[in-house]
């Protein structure tokens, strides 16, 4: 457990990777179980991820999160194509709507990384 009692503790390489990047893909699920994936810019505080956005409260991802606070986030890139060297991290978590519904916190509950 980390300082916020999250079940996920990021390794040094995972932490550096999340701090060094700012763009990921966020997956949410609709009330009829249809997936929705969108790119989002994020901030990372060493424990949790945060994202906002223009017109966040009007977005489909926001409406999905209101009904189901479970999300997945992937941050990845391709270091080289020859040899093939992908790297990244998938974070599954729950969300918390913050600051008057204009910012969302992702509390990680599971992570998988590769190539880091």
PDB file of N, CA and C in Angstrom:
ATOM      1  N   UNK A   1       0.849  -1.189   0.000  1.00  0.00           N
ATOM      2  CA  UNK A   1       0.000   0.000   0.000  1.00  0.00           C
ATOM      3  C   UNK A   1       0.890   1.247   0.000  1.00  0.00           C
ATOM      4  N   UNK A   2       0.359   2.318  -0.598  1.00  0.00           N
ATOM      5  CA  UNK A   2       1.105   3.566  -0.625  1.00  0.00           C
ATOM      6  C   UNK A   2       0.492   4.560   0.357  1.00  0.00           C
ATOM      7  N   UNK A   3       0.966   5.788   0.291  1.00  0.00           N
ATOM      8  CA  UNK A   3       0.564   6.791   1.288  1.00  0.00           C
ATOM      9  C   UNK A   3      -0.945   7.064   1.330  1.00  0.00           C
ATOM     10  N   UNK A   4      -1.672   6.826   0.208  1.00  0.00           N
ATOM     11  CA  UNK A   4      -3.119   7.056   0.178  1.00  0.00           C
ATOM     12  C   UNK A   4      -3.905   5.768   0.346  1.00  0.00           C
ATOM     13  N   UNK A   5      -3.244   4.702   0.799  1.00  0.00           N
ATOM     14  CA  UNK A   5      -3.868   3.405   1.008  1.00  0.00           C
ATOM     15  C   UNK A   5      -4.405   2.779  -0.268  1.00  0.00           C
ATOM     16  N   UNK A   6      -3.865   3.173  -1.430  1.00  0.00           N
ATOM     17  CA  UNK A   6      -4.221   2.519  -2.679  1.00  0.00           C
ATOM     18  C   UNK A   6      -3.548   1.159  -2.710  1.00  0.00           C
ATOM     19  N   UNK A   7      -4.183   0.162  -3.305  1.00  0.00           N
ATOM     20  CA  UNK A   7      -3.551  -1.155  -3.378  1.00  0.00           C
ATOM     21  C   UNK A   7      -2.372  -1.214  -4.354  1.00  0.00           C
ATOM     22  N   UNK A   8      -2.217  -0.192  -5.205  1.00  0.00           N
ATOM     23  CA  UNK A   8      -1.163  -0.192  -6.217  1.00  0.00           C
ATOM     24  C   UNK A   8       0.007   0.676  -5.765  1.00  0.00           C
ATOM     25  N   UNK A   9       1.201   0.104  -5.871  1.00  0.00           N
ATOM     26  CA  UNK A   9       2.427   0.855  -5.643  1.00  0.00           C
ATOM     27  C   UNK A   9       3.214   0.779  -6.947  1.00  0.00           C
ATOM     28  N   UNK A  10       3.549   1.936  -7.503  1.00  0.00           N
ATOM     29  CA  UNK A  10       4.268   1.990  -8.764  1.00  0.00           C
ATOM     30  C   UNK A  10       5.768   1.836  -8.522  1.00  0.00           C
ATOM     31  N   UNK A  11       6.422   1.074  -9.407  1.00  0.00           N
ATOM     32  CA  UNK A  11       7.875   0.934  -9.334  1.00  0.00           C
ATOM     33  C   UNK A  11       8.522   2.263  -9.720  1.00  0.00           C
ATOM     34  N   UNK A  12       9.811   2.351  -9.503  1.00  0.00           N
ATOM     35  CA  UNK A  12      10.546   3.568  -9.871  1.00  0.00           C
ATOM     36  C   UNK A  12      10.447   3.836 -11.374  1.00  0.00           C
ATOM     37  N   UNK A  13      10.583   2.784 -12.193  1.00  0.00           N
ATOM     38  CA  UNK A  13      10.513   2.984 -13.651  1.00  0.00           C
ATOM     39  C   UNK A  13       9.095   3.339 -14.103  1.00  0.00           C
ATOM     40  N   UNK A  14       8.083   2.758 -13.482  1.00  0.00           N
ATOM     41  CA  UNK A  14       6.692   3.104 -13.818  1.00  0.00           C
ATOM     42  C   UNK A  14       6.387   4.555 -13.425  1.00  0.00           C
ATOM     43  N   UNK A  15       6.841   4.940 -12.253  1.00  0.00           N
ATOM     44  CA  UNK A  15       6.627   6.309 -11.779  1.00  0.00           C
ATOM     45  C   UNK A  15       7.286   7.307 -12.719  1.00  0.00           C
ATOM     46  N   UNK A  16       8.525   7.061 -13.092  1.00  0.00           N
ATOM     47  CA  UNK A  16       9.228   7.959 -14.016  1.00  0.00           C
ATOM     48  C   UNK A  16       8.491   8.041 -15.347  1.00  0.00           C
ATOM     49  N   UNK A  17       8.055   6.901 -15.851  1.00  0.00           N
ATOM     50  CA  UNK A  17       7.350   6.864 -17.138  1.00  0.00           C
ATOM     51  C   UNK A  17       6.062   7.688 -17.071  1.00  0.00           C
ATOM     52  N   UNK A  18       5.300   7.529 -16.003  1.00  0.00           N
ATOM     53  CA  UNK A  18       4.041   8.288 -15.876  1.00  0.00           C
ATOM     54  C   UNK A  18       4.297   9.784 -15.693  1.00  0.00           C
ATOM     55  N   UNK A  19       5.371  10.147 -15.004  1.00  0.00           N
ATOM     56  CA  UNK A  19       5.725  11.565 -14.868  1.00  0.00           C
ATOM     57  C   UNK A  19       6.217  12.152 -16.190  1.00  0.00           C
ATOM     58  N   UNK A  20       6.940  11.357 -16.969  1.00  0.00           N
ATOM     59  CA  UNK A  20       7.531  11.847 -18.221  1.00  0.00           C
ATOM     60  C   UNK A  20       6.534  11.963 -19.367  1.00  0.00           C
ATOM     61  N   UNK A  21       5.393  11.304 -19.254  1.00  0.00           N
ATOM     62  CA  UNK A  21       4.370  11.349 -20.308  1.00  0.00           C
ATOM     63  C   UNK A  21       3.164  12.141 -19.828  1.00  0.00           C
ATOM     64  N   UNK A  22       2.339  12.567 -20.750  1.00  0.00           N
ATOM     65  CA  UNK A  22       1.156  13.352 -20.382  1.00  0.00           C
ATOM     66  C   UNK A  22      -0.088  12.978 -21.166  1.00  0.00           C
ATOM     67  N   UNK A  23       0.009  11.954 -22.037  1.00  0.00           N
ATOM     68  CA  UNK A  23      -1.132  11.587 -22.855  1.00  0.00           C
ATOM     69  C   UNK A  23      -1.394  10.090 -22.728  1.00  0.00           C
ATOM     70  N   UNK A  24      -2.642   9.754 -22.479  1.00  0.00           N
ATOM     71  CA  UNK A  24      -3.034   8.354 -22.377  1.00  0.00           C
ATOM     72  C   UNK A  24      -4.375   8.139 -23.036  1.00  0.00           C
ATOM     73  N   UNK A  25      -4.817   6.902 -23.025  1.00  0.00           N
ATOM     74  CA  UNK A  25      -6.134   6.555 -23.565  1.00  0.00           C
ATOM     75  C   UNK A  25      -6.983   6.043 -22.417  1.00  0.00           C
ATOM     76  N   UNK A  26      -8.132   6.668 -22.252  1.00  0.00           N
ATOM     77  CA  UNK A  26      -9.043   6.344 -21.158  1.00  0.00           C
ATOM     78  C   UNK A  26     -10.211   5.541 -21.692  1.00  0.00           C
ATOM     79  N   UNK A  27     -10.494   4.417 -21.047  1.00  0.00           N
ATOM     80  CA  UNK A  27     -11.640   3.587 -21.415  1.00  0.00           C
ATOM     81  C   UNK A  27     -12.700   3.679 -20.329  1.00  0.00           C
ATOM     82  N   UNK A  28     -13.918   3.947 -20.767  1.00  0.00           N
ATOM     83  CA  UNK A  28     -15.087   3.944 -19.890  1.00  0.00           C
ATOM     84  C   UNK A  28     -16.101   2.977 -20.480  1.00  0.00           C
ATOM     85  N   UNK A  29     -17.171   2.718 -19.734  1.00  0.00           N
ATOM     86  CA  UNK A  29     -18.204   1.796 -20.195  1.00  0.00           C
ATOM     87  C   UNK A  29     -19.569   2.451 -20.027  1.00  0.00           C
ATOM     88  N   UNK A  30     -20.389   2.342 -21.076  1.00  0.00           N
ATOM     89  CA  UNK A  30     -21.733   2.926 -21.036  1.00  0.00           C
ATOM     90  C   UNK A  30     -22.656   2.060 -20.190  1.00  0.00           C
ATOM     91  N   UNK A  31     -23.844   2.576 -19.922  1.00  0.00           N
ATOM     92  CA  UNK A  31     -24.821   1.831 -19.121  1.00  0.00           C
ATOM     93  C   UNK A  31     -25.278   0.556 -19.823  1.00  0.00           C
ATOM     94  N   UNK A  32     -25.130   0.492 -21.153  1.00  0.00           N
ATOM     95  CA  UNK A  32     -25.467  -0.752 -21.868  1.00  0.00           C
ATOM     96  C   UNK A  32     -24.204  -1.546 -22.223  1.00  0.00           C
ATOM     97  N   UNK A  33     -23.142  -1.329 -21.428  1.00  0.00           N
ATOM     98  CA  UNK A  33     -21.888  -2.082 -21.504  1.00  0.00           C
ATOM     99  C   UNK A  33     -21.122  -1.919 -22.810  1.00  0.00           C
ATOM    100  N   UNK A  34     -21.240  -0.774 -23.444  1.00  0.00           N
ATOM    101  CA  UNK A  34     -20.471  -0.489 -24.644  1.00  0.00           C
ATOM    102  C   UNK A  34     -19.202   0.270 -24.258  1.00  0.00           C
ATOM    103  N   UNK A  35     -18.038  -0.185 -24.721  1.00  0.00           N
ATOM    104  CA  UNK A  35     -16.793   0.499 -24.375  1.00  0.00           C
ATOM    105  C   UNK A  35     -16.645   1.816 -25.138  1.00  0.00           C
ATOM    106  N   UNK A  36     -15.923   2.732 -24.543  1.00  0.00           N
ATOM    107  CA  UNK A  36     -15.638   4.041 -25.146  1.00  0.00           C
ATOM    108  C   UNK A  36     -14.211   4.401 -24.757  1.00  0.00           C
ATOM    109  N   UNK A  37     -13.358   4.651 -25.749  1.00  0.00           N
ATOM    110  CA  UNK A  37     -11.955   4.976 -25.492  1.00  0.00           C
ATOM    111  C   UNK A  37     -11.643   6.328 -26.109  1.00  0.00           C
ATOM    112  N   UNK A  38     -11.006   7.204 -25.319  1.00  0.00           N
ATOM    113  CA  UNK A  38     -10.635   8.531 -25.797  1.00  0.00           C
ATOM    114  C   UNK A  38      -9.257   8.914 -25.268  1.00  0.00           C
ATOM    115  N   UNK A  39      -8.514   9.707 -26.050  1.00  0.00           N
ATOM    116  CA  UNK A  39      -7.247  10.219 -25.527  1.00  0.00           C
ATOM    117  C   UNK A  39      -7.520  11.312 -24.501  1.00  0.00           C
ATOM    118  N   UNK A  40      -6.745  11.319 -23.440  1.00  0.00           N
ATOM    119  CA  UNK A  40      -6.834  12.373 -22.426  1.00  0.00           C
ATOM    120  C   UNK A  40      -5.431  12.756 -21.981  1.00  0.00           C
ATOM    121  N   UNK A  41      -5.251  14.033 -21.698  1.00  0.00           N
ATOM    122  CA  UNK A  41      -4.014  14.449 -21.048  1.00  0.00           C
ATOM    123  C   UNK A  41      -4.228  14.274 -19.551  1.00  0.00           C
ATOM    124  N   UNK A  42      -3.170  13.955 -18.851  1.00  0.00           N
ATOM    125  CA  UNK A  42      -3.299  13.647 -17.428  1.00  0.00           C
ATOM    126  C   UNK A  42      -2.130  14.238 -16.653  1.00  0.00           C
ATOM    127  N   UNK A  43      -2.311  14.299 -15.356  1.00  0.00           N
ATOM    128  CA  UNK A  43      -1.249  14.606 -14.404  1.00  0.00           C
ATOM    129  C   UNK A  43      -1.135  13.413 -13.468  1.00  0.00           C
ATOM    130  N   UNK A  44       0.046  13.228 -12.931  1.00  0.00           N
ATOM    131  CA  UNK A  44       0.321  12.110 -12.033  1.00  0.00           C
ATOM    132  C   UNK A  44       1.020  12.654 -10.804  1.00  0.00           C
ATOM    133  N   UNK A  45       0.561  12.262  -9.623  1.00  0.00           N
ATOM    134  CA  UNK A  45       1.166  12.768  -8.389  1.00  0.00           C
ATOM    135  C   UNK A  45       2.032  11.727  -7.676  1.00  0.00           C
ATOM    136  N   UNK A  46       2.332  10.625  -8.361  1.00  0.00           N
ATOM    137  CA  UNK A  46       3.105   9.556  -7.757  1.00  0.00           C
ATOM    138  C   UNK A  46       2.226   8.443  -7.223  1.00  0.00           C
ATOM    139  N   UNK A  47       0.939   8.717  -7.089  1.00  0.00           N
ATOM    140  CA  UNK A  47      -0.014   7.746  -6.566  1.00  0.00           C
ATOM    141  C   UNK A  47      -1.235   7.615  -7.463  1.00  0.00           C
ATOM    142  N   UNK A  48      -1.850   8.747  -7.787  1.00  0.00           N
ATOM    143  CA  UNK A  48      -3.089   8.777  -8.560  1.00  0.00           C
ATOM    144  C   UNK A  48      -2.899   9.586  -9.840  1.00  0.00           C
ATOM    145  N   UNK A  49      -3.807   9.383 -10.800  1.00  0.00           N
ATOM    146  CA  UNK A  49      -3.814  10.165 -12.031  1.00  0.00           C
ATOM    147  C   UNK A  49      -5.014  11.102 -11.999  1.00  0.00           C
ATOM    148  N   UNK A  50      -4.882  12.236 -12.678  1.00  0.00           N
ATOM    149  CA  UNK A  50      -5.936  13.249 -12.704  1.00  0.00           C
ATOM    150  C   UNK A  50      -6.100  13.742 -14.137  1.00  0.00           C
ATOM    151  N   UNK A  51      -7.337  13.991 -14.535  1.00  0.00           N
ATOM    152  CA  UNK A  51      -7.576  14.608 -15.833  1.00  0.00           C
ATOM    153  C   UNK A  51      -8.799  15.506 -15.751  1.00  0.00           C
ATOM    154  N   UNK A  52      -8.832  16.462 -16.626  1.00  0.00           N
ATOM    155  CA  UNK A  52      -9.962  17.377 -16.738  1.00  0.00           C
ATOM    156  C   UNK A  52     -10.318  17.493 -18.200  1.00  0.00           C
ATOM    157  N   UNK A  53     -10.503  18.699 -18.634  1.00  0.00           N
ATOM    158  CA  UNK A  53     -10.771  18.891 -20.059  1.00  0.00           C
ATOM    159  C   UNK A  53     -11.840  19.923 -20.302  1.00  0.00           C
ATOM    160  N   UNK A  54     -11.777  20.456 -21.482  1.00  0.00           N
ATOM    161  CA  UNK A  54     -12.742  21.443 -21.911  1.00  0.00           C
ATOM    162  C   UNK A  54     -14.104  20.779 -21.999  1.00  0.00           C
ATOM    163  N   UNK A  55     -15.113  21.380 -21.401  1.00  0.00           N
ATOM    164  CA  UNK A  55     -16.484  20.845 -21.402  1.00  0.00           C
ATOM    165  C   UNK A  55     -16.567  19.428 -20.843  1.00  0.00           C
ATOM    166  N   UNK A  56     -15.768  19.136 -19.849  1.00  0.00           N
ATOM    167  CA  UNK A  56     -15.734  17.793 -19.276  1.00  0.00           C
ATOM    168  C   UNK A  56     -17.131  17.320 -18.879  1.00  0.00           C
ATOM    169  N   UNK A  57     -17.911  18.185 -18.218  1.00  0.00           N
ATOM    170  CA  UNK A  57     -19.234  17.778 -17.737  1.00  0.00           C
ATOM    171  C   UNK A  57     -20.198  17.422 -18.857  1.00  0.00           C
ATOM    172  N   UNK A  58     -19.898  17.849 -20.072  1.00  0.00           N
ATOM    173  CA  UNK A  58     -20.760  17.531 -21.218  1.00  0.00           C
ATOM    174  C   UNK A  58     -20.254  16.339 -22.021  1.00  0.00           C
ATOM    175  N   UNK A  59     -19.140  15.772 -21.605  1.00  0.00           N
ATOM    176  CA  UNK A  59     -18.510  14.705 -22.386  1.00  0.00           C
ATOM    177  C   UNK A  59     -19.168  13.346 -22.105  1.00  0.00           C
ATOM    178  N   UNK A  60     -19.027  12.469 -23.079  1.00  0.00           N
ATOM    179  CA  UNK A  60     -19.539  11.109 -22.934  1.00  0.00           C
ATOM    180  C   UNK A  60     -18.793  10.379 -21.818  1.00  0.00           C
ATOM    181  N   UNK A  61     -17.481  10.580 -21.713  1.00  0.00           N
ATOM    182  CA  UNK A  61     -16.722   9.904 -20.653  1.00  0.00           C
ATOM    183  C   UNK A  61     -17.229  10.321 -19.274  1.00  0.00           C
ATOM    184  N   UNK A  62     -17.579  11.582 -19.112  1.00  0.00           N
ATOM    185  CA  UNK A  62     -18.094  12.062 -17.829  1.00  0.00           C
ATOM    186  C   UNK A  62     -19.438  11.397 -17.514  1.00  0.00           C
ATOM    187  N   UNK A  63     -20.317  11.337 -18.507  1.00  0.00           N
ATOM    188  CA  UNK A  63     -21.626  10.702 -18.301  1.00  0.00           C
ATOM    189  C   UNK A  63     -21.454   9.222 -17.952  1.00  0.00           C
ATOM    190  N   UNK A  64     -20.508   8.561 -18.615  1.00  0.00           N
ATOM    191  CA  UNK A  64     -20.251   7.156 -18.285  1.00  0.00           C
ATOM    192  C   UNK A  64     -19.754   7.023 -16.850  1.00  0.00           C
ATOM    193  N   UNK A  65     -18.831   7.889 -16.444  1.00  0.00           N
ATOM    194  CA  UNK A  65     -18.249   7.823 -15.101  1.00  0.00           C
ATOM    195  C   UNK A  65     -19.303   8.077 -14.028  1.00  0.00           C
ATOM    196  N   UNK A  66     -20.279   8.929 -14.319  1.00  0.00           N
ATOM    197  CA  UNK A  66     -21.357   9.162 -13.357  1.00  0.00           C
ATOM    198  C   UNK A  66     -22.136   7.880 -13.062  1.00  0.00           C
ATOM    199  N   UNK A  67     -22.240   7.010 -14.067  1.00  0.00           N
ATOM    200  CA  UNK A  67     -23.016   5.774 -13.912  1.00  0.00           C
ATOM    201  C   UNK A  67     -22.166   4.570 -13.520  1.00  0.00           C
ATOM    202  N   UNK A  68     -20.883   4.616 -13.870  1.00  0.00           N
ATOM    203  CA  UNK A  68     -19.971   3.509 -13.578  1.00  0.00           C
ATOM    204  C   UNK A  68     -18.579   4.104 -13.397  1.00  0.00           C
ATOM    205  N   UNK A  69     -18.096   4.111 -12.184  1.00  0.00           N
ATOM    206  CA  UNK A  69     -16.828   4.797 -11.910  1.00  0.00           C
ATOM    207  C   UNK A  69     -15.590   3.943 -12.173  1.00  0.00           C
ATOM    208  N   UNK A  70     -15.747   2.782 -12.786  1.00  0.00           N
ATOM    209  CA  UNK A  70     -14.603   1.951 -13.141  1.00  0.00           C
ATOM    210  C   UNK A  70     -14.061   2.374 -14.503  1.00  0.00           C
ATOM    211  N   UNK A  71     -12.734   2.528 -14.588  1.00  0.00           N
ATOM    212  CA  UNK A  71     -12.087   2.935 -15.834  1.00  0.00           C
ATOM    213  C   UNK A  71     -10.796   2.146 -16.024  1.00  0.00           C
ATOM    214  N   UNK A  72     -10.270   2.233 -17.241  1.00  0.00           N
ATOM    215  CA  UNK A  72      -8.929   1.737 -17.537  1.00  0.00           C
ATOM    216  C   UNK A  72      -8.211   2.843 -18.294  1.00  0.00           C
ATOM    217  N   UNK A  73      -6.919   2.967 -18.037  1.00  0.00           N
ATOM    218  CA  UNK A  73      -6.100   3.986 -18.687  1.00  0.00           C
ATOM    219  C   UNK A  73      -4.834   3.315 -19.178  1.00  0.00           C
ATOM    220  N   UNK A  74      -4.471   3.583 -20.437  1.00  0.00           N
ATOM    221  CA  UNK A  74      -3.230   3.073 -21.003  1.00  0.00           C
ATOM    222  C   UNK A  74      -2.367   4.257 -21.405  1.00  0.00           C
ATOM    223  N   UNK A  75      -1.120   4.234 -20.958  1.00  0.00           N
ATOM    224  CA  UNK A  75      -0.099   5.188 -21.386  1.00  0.00           C
ATOM    225  C   UNK A  75       0.974   4.325 -22.031  1.00  0.00           C
ATOM    226  N   UNK A  76       1.255   4.571 -23.309  1.00  0.00           N
ATOM    227  CA  UNK A  76       2.231   3.732 -23.992  1.00  0.00           C
ATOM    228  C   UNK A  76       2.917   4.491 -25.111  1.00  0.00           C
ATOM    229  N   UNK A  77       3.998   3.910 -25.597  1.00  0.00           N
ATOM    230  CA  UNK A  77       4.686   4.450 -26.767  1.00  0.00           C
ATOM    231  C   UNK A  77       5.509   3.338 -27.387  1.00  0.00           C
ATOM    232  N   UNK A  78       6.120   3.664 -28.501  1.00  0.00           N
ATOM    233  CA  UNK A  78       6.939   2.708 -29.236  1.00  0.00           C
ATOM    234  C   UNK A  78       8.351   3.269 -29.298  1.00  0.00           C
ATOM    235  N   UNK A  79       9.270   2.642 -28.597  1.00  0.00           N
ATOM    236  CA  UNK A  79      10.650   3.105 -28.533  1.00  0.00           C
ATOM    237  C   UNK A  79      11.336   2.912 -29.879  1.00  0.00           C
ATOM    238  N   UNK A  80      11.074   1.771 -30.516  1.00  0.00           N
ATOM    239  CA  UNK A  80      11.731   1.433 -31.777  1.00  0.00           C
ATOM    240  C   UNK A  80      10.847   0.463 -32.552  1.00  0.00           C
ATOM    241  N   UNK A  81      10.931   0.533 -33.885  1.00  0.00           N
ATOM    242  CA  UNK A  81      10.228  -0.472 -34.683  1.00  0.00           C
ATOM    243  C   UNK A  81      11.175  -1.579 -35.159  1.00  0.00           C
ATOM    244  N   UNK A  82      12.475  -1.324 -35.092  1.00  0.00           N
ATOM    245  CA  UNK A  82      13.439  -2.338 -35.498  1.00  0.00           C
ATOM    246  C   UNK A  82      14.666  -2.261 -34.594  1.00  0.00           C
ATOM    247  N   UNK A  83      14.716  -2.991 -33.514  1.00  0.00           N
ATOM    248  CA  UNK A  83      13.780  -4.038 -33.135  1.00  0.00           C
ATOM    249  C   UNK A  83      12.493  -3.454 -32.542  1.00  0.00           C
ATOM    250  N   UNK A  84      11.455  -4.266 -32.526  1.00  0.00           N
ATOM    251  CA  UNK A  84      10.154  -3.858 -32.007  1.00  0.00           C
ATOM    252  C   UNK A  84      10.256  -3.714 -30.493  1.00  0.00           C
ATOM    253  N   UNK A  85      10.102  -2.467 -29.984  1.00  0.00           N
ATOM    254  CA  UNK A  85      10.234  -2.210 -28.547  1.00  0.00           C
ATOM    255  C   UNK A  85       9.095  -1.328 -28.040  1.00  0.00           C
ATOM    256  N   UNK A  86       7.931  -1.930 -27.796  1.00  0.00           N
ATOM    257  CA  UNK A  86       6.854  -1.156 -27.186  1.00  0.00           C
ATOM    258  C   UNK A  86       7.059  -1.081 -25.674  1.00  0.00           C
ATOM    259  N   UNK A  87       6.495  -0.051 -25.068  1.00  0.00           N
ATOM    260  CA  UNK A  87       6.515   0.048 -23.605  1.00  0.00           C
ATOM    261  C   UNK A  87       5.259   0.786 -23.175  1.00  0.00           C
ATOM    262  N   UNK A  88       4.856   0.534 -21.948  1.00  0.00           N
ATOM    263  CA  UNK A  88       3.669   1.215 -21.467  1.00  0.00           C
ATOM    264  C   UNK A  88       3.187   0.660 -20.148  1.00  0.00           C
ATOM    265  N   UNK A  89       2.048   1.190 -19.749  1.00  0.00           N
ATOM    266  CA  UNK A  89       1.417   0.751 -18.507  1.00  0.00           C
ATOM    267  C   UNK A  89      -0.098   0.863 -18.663  1.00  0.00           C
ATOM    268  N   UNK A  90      -0.787  -0.162 -18.213  1.00  0.00           N
ATOM    269  CA  UNK A  90      -2.247  -0.132 -18.139  1.00  0.00           C
ATOM    270  C   UNK A  90      -2.616  -0.019 -16.671  1.00  0.00           C
ATOM    271  N   UNK A  91      -3.514   0.898 -16.376  1.00  0.00           N
ATOM    272  CA  UNK A  91      -3.976   1.111 -15.007  1.00  0.00           C
ATOM    273  C   UNK A  91      -5.487   0.942 -15.000  1.00  0.00           C
ATOM    274  N   UNK A  92      -5.962   0.067 -14.154  1.00  0.00           N
ATOM    275  CA  UNK A  92      -7.402  -0.072 -13.937  1.00  0.00           C
ATOM    276  C   UNK A  92      -7.702   0.553 -12.595  1.00  0.00           C
ATOM    277  N   UNK A  93      -8.805   1.277 -12.536  1.00  0.00           N
ATOM    278  CA  UNK A  93      -9.097   1.945 -11.286  1.00  0.00           C
ATOM    279  C   UNK A  93     -10.519   2.435 -11.183  1.00  0.00           C
ATOM    280  N   UNK A  94     -10.726   3.162 -10.126  1.00  0.00           N
ATOM    281  CA  UNK A  94     -12.024   3.799  -9.895  1.00  0.00           C
ATOM    282  C   UNK A  94     -11.811   5.310  -9.912  1.00  0.00           C
ATOM    283  N   UNK A  95     -12.855   6.013 -10.280  1.00  0.00           N
ATOM    284  CA  UNK A  95     -12.744   7.466 -10.390  1.00  0.00           C
ATOM    285  C   UNK A  95     -13.474   8.169  -9.263  1.00  0.00           C
ATOM    286  N   UNK A  96     -13.027   9.387  -9.050  1.00  0.00           N
ATOM    287  CA  UNK A  96     -13.641  10.282  -8.074  1.00  0.00           C
ATOM    288  C   UNK A  96     -13.726  11.652  -8.749  1.00  0.00           C
ATOM    289  N   UNK A  97     -14.913  12.242  -8.776  1.00  0.00           N
ATOM    290  CA  UNK A  97     -15.088  13.554  -9.397  1.00  0.00           C
ATOM    291  C   UNK A  97     -14.729  14.621  -8.369  1.00  0.00           C
ATOM    292  N   UNK A  98     -13.862  15.564  -8.780  1.00  0.00           N
ATOM    293  CA  UNK A  98     -13.325  16.566  -7.857  1.00  0.00           C
ATOM    294  C   UNK A  98     -13.663  17.983  -8.300  1.00  0.00           C
ATOM    295  N   UNK A  99     -13.460  18.920  -7.419  1.00  0.00           N
ATOM    296  CA  UNK A  99     -13.538  20.369  -7.653  1.00  0.00           C
ATOM    297  C   UNK A  99     -14.743  20.793  -8.491  1.00  0.00           C
ATOM    298  N   UNK A 100     -15.910  20.587  -7.972  1.00  0.00           N
ATOM    299  CA  UNK A 100     -17.090  21.072  -8.669  1.00  0.00           C
ATOM    300  C   UNK A 100     -17.314  20.394 -10.010  1.00  0.00           C
ATOM    301  N   UNK A 101     -16.925  19.140 -10.098  1.00  0.00           N
ATOM    302  CA  UNK A 101     -17.163  18.328 -11.292  1.00  0.00           C
ATOM    303  C   UNK A 101     -16.367  18.776 -12.513  1.00  0.00           C
ATOM    304  N   UNK A 102     -15.185  19.355 -12.310  1.00  0.00           N
ATOM    305  CA  UNK A 102     -14.388  19.726 -13.480  1.00  0.00           C
ATOM    306  C   UNK A 102     -13.029  19.039 -13.523  1.00  0.00           C
ATOM    307  N   UNK A 103     -12.820  18.062 -12.644  1.00  0.00           N
ATOM    308  CA  UNK A 103     -11.564  17.329 -12.585  1.00  0.00           C
ATOM    309  C   UNK A 103     -11.865  15.932 -12.080  1.00  0.00           C
ATOM    310  N   UNK A 104     -11.201  14.933 -12.629  1.00  0.00           N
ATOM    311  CA  UNK A 104     -11.453  13.554 -12.226  1.00  0.00           C
ATOM    312  C   UNK A 104     -10.159  12.902 -11.778  1.00  0.00           C
ATOM    313  N   UNK A 105     -10.250  12.208 -10.669  1.00  0.00           N
ATOM    314  CA  UNK A 105      -9.122  11.479 -10.093  1.00  0.00           C
ATOM    315  C   UNK A 105      -9.311   9.999 -10.403  1.00  0.00           C
ATOM    316  N   UNK A 106      -8.240   9.349 -10.874  1.00  0.00           N
ATOM    317  CA  UNK A 106      -8.248   7.899 -11.061  1.00  0.00           C
ATOM    318  C   UNK A 106      -7.432   7.290  -9.931  1.00  0.00           C
ATOM    319  N   UNK A 107      -8.085   6.465  -9.142  1.00  0.00           N
ATOM    320  CA  UNK A 107      -7.434   5.770  -8.040  1.00  0.00           C
ATOM    321  C   UNK A 107      -7.095   4.367  -8.545  1.00  0.00           C
ATOM    322  N   UNK A 108      -5.811   4.082  -8.761  1.00  0.00           N
ATOM    323  CA  UNK A 108      -5.441   2.775  -9.316  1.00  0.00           C
ATOM    324  C   UNK A 108      -5.768   1.625  -8.369  1.00  0.00           C
ATOM    325  N   UNK A 109      -6.287   0.544  -8.946  1.00  0.00           N
ATOM    326  CA  UNK A 109      -6.519  -0.670  -8.164  1.00  0.00           C
ATOM    327  C   UNK A 109      -5.753  -1.863  -8.745  1.00  0.00           C
ATOM    328  N   UNK A 110      -5.295  -1.722 -10.005  1.00  0.00           N
ATOM    329  CA  UNK A 110      -4.505  -2.779 -10.634  1.00  0.00           C
ATOM    330  C   UNK A 110      -3.657  -2.150 -11.726  1.00  0.00           C
ATOM    331  N   UNK A 111      -2.471  -2.675 -11.941  1.00  0.00           N
ATOM    332  CA  UNK A 111      -1.601  -2.162 -13.006  1.00  0.00           C
ATOM    333  C   UNK A 111      -0.845  -3.297 -13.659  1.00  0.00           C
ATOM    334  N   UNK A 112      -0.522  -3.075 -14.938  1.00  0.00           N
ATOM    335  CA  UNK A 112       0.322  -3.987 -15.695  1.00  0.00           C
ATOM    336  C   UNK A 112       1.220  -3.116 -16.562  1.00  0.00           C
ATOM    337  N   UNK A 113       2.523  -3.371 -16.532  1.00  0.00           N
ATOM    338  CA  UNK A 113       3.429  -2.598 -17.365  1.00  0.00           C
ATOM    339  C   UNK A 113       4.290  -3.521 -18.200  1.00  0.00           C
ATOM    340  N   UNK A 114       4.850  -2.974 -19.272  1.00  0.00           N
ATOM    341  CA  UNK A 114       5.715  -3.738 -20.163  1.00  0.00           C
ATOM    342  C   UNK A 114       6.785  -2.820 -20.726  1.00  0.00           C
ATOM    343  N   UNK A 115       7.962  -3.362 -20.921  1.00  0.00           N
ATOM    344  CA  UNK A 115       9.048  -2.649 -21.556  1.00  0.00           C
ATOM    345  C   UNK A 115       9.660  -1.499 -20.785  1.00  0.00           C
ATOM    346  N   UNK A 116       9.323  -1.373 -19.520  1.00  0.00           N
ATOM    347  CA  UNK A 116       9.838  -0.246 -18.732  1.00  0.00           C
ATOM    348  C   UNK A 116      11.051  -0.665 -17.912  1.00  0.00           C
TER     349      UNK A 116
END
